[in-house]
C-alpha cells in the first residue's frame, strides 16, 4: 500500500489509509479493523478508539449526528463495512 501523510490530523490519516486500502483491493469497501491495523503498523499516534470514532461516526455520512463537526468521507454500506465517498 502507498500511504503518504500530508496533514497530521486523524481525519486525514484515516481517509488516506482508507483510500490506500480500497486502491489495493480494487474495490471500494473497507473495514474499521483494516484501517486500525494499517495505522498501528505505520506507528500512528492516534488511539484505536479515536480511529474507530472517526470511521464510524465523525466521518461517516449516514451515522447518527453525535458530533458538532461531521464529514461525509465514508458511508456505511453494511454492518462493519464502509466505502469512501468522493475519492
N, C-alpha and C. Protein backbone atom coordinates (compact mmCIF):
# COMPACT_ATOMS: atom_id res chain seq x y z
N UNK A 1 0.83 -1.18 0.00
CA UNK A 1 0.00 0.00 0.00
C UNK A 1 0.88 1.24 0.00
N UNK A 2 0.43 2.25 -0.70
CA UNK A 2 1.12 3.52 -0.71
C UNK A 2 0.35 4.46 0.19
N UNK A 3 1.04 5.04 1.15
CA UNK A 3 0.38 5.89 2.13
C UNK A 3 1.28 7.07 2.44
N UNK A 4 0.83 8.26 2.13
CA UNK A 4 1.61 9.46 2.40
C UNK A 4 0.75 10.40 3.24
N UNK A 5 1.29 10.82 4.37
CA UNK A 5 0.56 11.76 5.22
C UNK A 5 1.03 13.17 4.87
N UNK A 6 0.11 13.98 4.39
CA UNK A 6 0.43 15.38 4.12
C UNK A 6 -0.01 16.25 5.27
N UNK A 7 -1.03 15.82 5.95
CA UNK A 7 -1.56 16.54 7.10
C UNK A 7 -1.38 15.66 8.33
N UNK A 8 -1.42 16.27 9.49
CA UNK A 8 -1.20 15.48 10.68
C UNK A 8 -2.41 15.50 11.61
N UNK A 9 -3.57 15.21 11.07
CA UNK A 9 -4.73 15.04 11.95
C UNK A 9 -5.35 13.68 11.66
N UNK A 10 -6.14 13.21 12.58
CA UNK A 10 -6.68 11.85 12.47
C UNK A 10 -7.54 11.68 11.23
N UNK A 11 -8.38 12.64 10.95
CA UNK A 11 -9.25 12.53 9.78
C UNK A 11 -8.44 12.31 8.51
N UNK A 12 -7.41 13.10 8.31
CA UNK A 12 -6.60 12.98 7.11
C UNK A 12 -5.88 11.63 7.03
N UNK A 13 -5.35 11.17 8.17
CA UNK A 13 -4.68 9.86 8.19
C UNK A 13 -5.66 8.74 7.87
N UNK A 14 -6.82 8.77 8.51
CA UNK A 14 -7.82 7.71 8.30
C UNK A 14 -8.29 7.71 6.86
N UNK A 15 -8.57 8.87 6.31
CA UNK A 15 -9.03 8.94 4.91
C UNK A 15 -7.95 8.44 3.94
N UNK A 16 -6.71 8.85 4.15
CA UNK A 16 -5.61 8.41 3.28
C UNK A 16 -5.45 6.90 3.33
N UNK A 17 -5.55 6.32 4.51
CA UNK A 17 -5.41 4.87 4.66
C UNK A 17 -6.59 4.16 4.00
N UNK A 18 -7.80 4.65 4.19
CA UNK A 18 -8.97 4.02 3.56
C UNK A 18 -8.82 4.02 2.04
N UNK A 19 -8.33 5.11 1.48
CA UNK A 19 -8.12 5.18 0.03
C UNK A 19 -7.04 4.19 -0.39
N UNK A 20 -5.98 4.07 0.38
CA UNK A 20 -4.93 3.08 0.06
C UNK A 20 -5.49 1.66 0.08
N UNK A 21 -6.31 1.37 1.08
CA UNK A 21 -6.89 0.02 1.21
C UNK A 21 -7.77 -0.30 0.01
N UNK A 22 -8.67 0.61 -0.35
CA UNK A 22 -9.58 0.30 -1.47
C UNK A 22 -8.84 0.26 -2.80
N UNK A 23 -7.78 1.06 -2.92
CA UNK A 23 -6.98 1.04 -4.15
C UNK A 23 -6.30 -0.31 -4.30
N UNK A 24 -5.72 -0.80 -3.22
CA UNK A 24 -5.06 -2.10 -3.27
C UNK A 24 -6.05 -3.23 -3.57
N UNK A 25 -7.24 -3.15 -2.99
CA UNK A 25 -8.25 -4.18 -3.21
C UNK A 25 -8.87 -4.10 -4.60
N UNK A 26 -8.92 -2.90 -5.15
CA UNK A 26 -9.61 -2.71 -6.42
C UNK A 26 -11.12 -2.70 -6.24
N UNK A 27 -11.53 -2.44 -5.01
CA UNK A 27 -12.96 -2.45 -4.67
C UNK A 27 -13.18 -1.43 -3.56
N UNK A 28 -14.21 -0.62 -3.68
CA UNK A 28 -14.48 0.44 -2.71
C UNK A 28 -15.22 -0.11 -1.50
N UNK A 29 -14.50 -0.86 -0.69
CA UNK A 29 -15.04 -1.38 0.56
C UNK A 29 -13.88 -1.63 1.52
N UNK A 30 -14.09 -1.25 2.78
CA UNK A 30 -13.07 -1.47 3.80
C UNK A 30 -13.74 -1.62 5.15
N UNK A 31 -12.97 -2.12 6.12
CA UNK A 31 -13.48 -2.27 7.49
C UNK A 31 -12.69 -1.35 8.42
N UNK A 32 -13.28 -1.08 9.56
CA UNK A 32 -12.61 -0.29 10.58
C UNK A 32 -11.33 -0.99 11.02
N UNK A 33 -11.40 -2.30 11.20
CA UNK A 33 -10.23 -3.05 11.66
C UNK A 33 -9.07 -2.98 10.67
N UNK A 34 -9.36 -2.93 9.38
CA UNK A 34 -8.30 -2.77 8.38
C UNK A 34 -7.60 -1.43 8.57
N UNK A 35 -8.37 -0.38 8.79
CA UNK A 35 -7.80 0.95 8.97
C UNK A 35 -6.97 0.99 10.26
N UNK A 36 -7.51 0.45 11.33
CA UNK A 36 -6.79 0.43 12.61
C UNK A 36 -5.48 -0.33 12.47
N UNK A 37 -5.53 -1.50 11.89
CA UNK A 37 -4.35 -2.33 11.73
C UNK A 37 -3.28 -1.61 10.90
N UNK A 38 -3.69 -1.02 9.81
CA UNK A 38 -2.75 -0.33 8.94
C UNK A 38 -2.10 0.84 9.67
N UNK A 39 -2.90 1.65 10.37
CA UNK A 39 -2.35 2.80 11.07
C UNK A 39 -1.44 2.38 12.22
N UNK A 40 -1.80 1.33 12.93
CA UNK A 40 -0.93 0.83 14.01
C UNK A 40 0.41 0.39 13.45
N UNK A 41 0.39 -0.32 12.33
CA UNK A 41 1.63 -0.77 11.69
C UNK A 41 2.50 0.39 11.23
N UNK A 42 1.88 1.52 10.92
CA UNK A 42 2.61 2.71 10.48
C UNK A 42 3.02 3.59 11.66
N UNK A 43 2.69 3.18 12.88
CA UNK A 43 3.10 3.92 14.06
C UNK A 43 2.30 5.18 14.34
N UNK A 44 1.01 5.15 14.07
CA UNK A 44 0.17 6.31 14.31
C UNK A 44 0.20 6.72 15.78
N UNK A 45 -0.05 7.98 16.03
CA UNK A 45 -0.15 8.49 17.39
C UNK A 45 -1.57 8.43 17.93
N UNK A 46 -2.52 8.05 17.08
CA UNK A 46 -3.92 8.04 17.48
C UNK A 46 -4.32 6.69 18.07
N UNK A 47 -5.17 6.74 19.08
CA UNK A 47 -5.63 5.51 19.73
C UNK A 47 -6.62 4.77 18.83
N UNK A 48 -6.79 3.50 19.12
CA UNK A 48 -7.76 2.69 18.38
C UNK A 48 -9.15 3.29 18.49
N UNK A 49 -9.53 3.77 19.66
CA UNK A 49 -10.86 4.37 19.84
C UNK A 49 -11.04 5.63 19.02
N UNK A 50 -10.01 6.45 18.93
CA UNK A 50 -10.09 7.67 18.12
C UNK A 50 -10.25 7.33 16.64
N UNK A 51 -9.50 6.37 16.17
CA UNK A 51 -9.60 5.94 14.77
C UNK A 51 -10.99 5.38 14.50
N UNK A 52 -11.46 4.52 15.38
CA UNK A 52 -12.78 3.90 15.23
C UNK A 52 -13.88 4.97 15.21
N UNK A 53 -13.79 5.95 16.09
CA UNK A 53 -14.78 7.03 16.13
C UNK A 53 -14.79 7.82 14.83
N UNK A 54 -13.62 8.07 14.27
CA UNK A 54 -13.56 8.81 13.01
C UNK A 54 -14.23 8.04 11.88
N UNK A 55 -13.95 6.76 11.76
CA UNK A 55 -14.54 5.98 10.67
C UNK A 55 -16.04 5.82 10.87
N UNK A 56 -16.46 5.41 12.05
CA UNK A 56 -17.86 5.01 12.26
C UNK A 56 -18.80 6.16 12.55
N UNK A 57 -18.28 7.31 12.95
CA UNK A 57 -19.17 8.38 13.38
C UNK A 57 -18.81 9.74 12.81
N UNK A 58 -17.68 10.26 13.17
CA UNK A 58 -17.31 11.62 12.79
C UNK A 58 -17.20 11.82 11.28
N UNK A 59 -16.75 10.82 10.55
CA UNK A 59 -16.53 10.95 9.10
C UNK A 59 -17.49 10.12 8.27
N UNK A 60 -18.53 9.61 8.89
CA UNK A 60 -19.48 8.74 8.20
C UNK A 60 -20.77 9.48 7.89
N UNK A 61 -21.10 9.54 6.63
CA UNK A 61 -22.27 10.28 6.14
C UNK A 61 -23.58 9.84 6.79
N UNK A 62 -23.76 8.54 6.97
CA UNK A 62 -25.05 8.07 7.46
C UNK A 62 -25.01 7.61 8.93
N UNK A 63 -24.07 8.15 9.69
CA UNK A 63 -24.01 7.88 11.13
C UNK A 63 -24.92 8.86 11.87
N UNK A 64 -25.34 8.49 13.08
CA UNK A 64 -26.11 9.44 13.90
C UNK A 64 -25.31 10.72 14.14
N UNK A 65 -26.00 11.81 14.28
CA UNK A 65 -25.35 13.11 14.44
C UNK A 65 -24.93 13.33 15.89
N UNK A 66 -23.81 12.71 16.27
CA UNK A 66 -23.31 12.79 17.64
C UNK A 66 -22.20 13.81 17.83
N UNK A 67 -21.74 14.43 16.76
CA UNK A 67 -20.61 15.35 16.83
C UNK A 67 -20.99 16.70 16.24
N UNK A 68 -20.42 17.76 16.81
CA UNK A 68 -20.68 19.10 16.30
C UNK A 68 -20.19 19.29 14.89
N UNK A 69 -19.02 18.73 14.60
CA UNK A 69 -18.44 18.80 13.26
C UNK A 69 -18.39 17.39 12.69
N UNK A 70 -19.00 17.21 11.54
CA UNK A 70 -19.01 15.91 10.88
C UNK A 70 -18.59 16.08 9.43
N UNK A 71 -18.08 14.99 8.87
CA UNK A 71 -17.62 14.99 7.49
C UNK A 71 -18.29 13.84 6.75
N UNK A 72 -18.42 13.98 5.46
CA UNK A 72 -19.02 12.93 4.64
C UNK A 72 -17.94 12.25 3.82
N UNK A 73 -16.95 11.67 4.51
CA UNK A 73 -15.85 10.98 3.86
C UNK A 73 -16.19 9.54 3.53
N UNK A 74 -17.01 8.91 4.38
CA UNK A 74 -17.33 7.49 4.24
C UNK A 74 -18.84 7.29 4.34
N UNK A 75 -19.26 6.12 3.87
CA UNK A 75 -20.66 5.72 4.02
C UNK A 75 -20.68 4.26 4.46
N UNK A 76 -21.47 3.98 5.48
CA UNK A 76 -21.62 2.60 5.94
C UNK A 76 -22.52 1.88 4.94
N UNK A 77 -22.02 0.77 4.40
CA UNK A 77 -22.78 0.04 3.38
C UNK A 77 -23.42 -1.23 3.93
N UNK A 78 -22.88 -1.74 5.03
CA UNK A 78 -23.48 -2.84 5.77
C UNK A 78 -22.74 -2.94 7.09
N UNK A 79 -23.19 -3.81 7.96
CA UNK A 79 -22.57 -3.89 9.28
C UNK A 79 -21.06 -4.15 9.18
N UNK A 80 -20.29 -3.17 9.65
CA UNK A 80 -18.85 -3.29 9.65
C UNK A 80 -18.13 -2.95 8.37
N UNK A 81 -18.87 -2.60 7.34
CA UNK A 81 -18.27 -2.29 6.03
C UNK A 81 -18.61 -0.87 5.60
N UNK A 82 -17.59 -0.22 5.05
CA UNK A 82 -17.71 1.18 4.66
C UNK A 82 -17.14 1.38 3.25
N UNK A 83 -17.56 2.49 2.63
CA UNK A 83 -16.96 2.86 1.34
C UNK A 83 -16.52 4.32 1.44
N UNK A 84 -15.55 4.67 0.62
CA UNK A 84 -15.03 6.04 0.56
C UNK A 84 -15.90 6.82 -0.41
N UNK A 85 -16.29 8.02 -0.01
CA UNK A 85 -17.07 8.90 -0.86
C UNK A 85 -16.16 9.98 -1.46
N UNK A 86 -16.41 10.33 -2.69
CA UNK A 86 -15.71 11.44 -3.33
C UNK A 86 -14.21 11.28 -3.48
N UNK A 87 -13.75 10.06 -3.73
CA UNK A 87 -12.30 9.88 -3.86
C UNK A 87 -11.82 10.05 -5.26
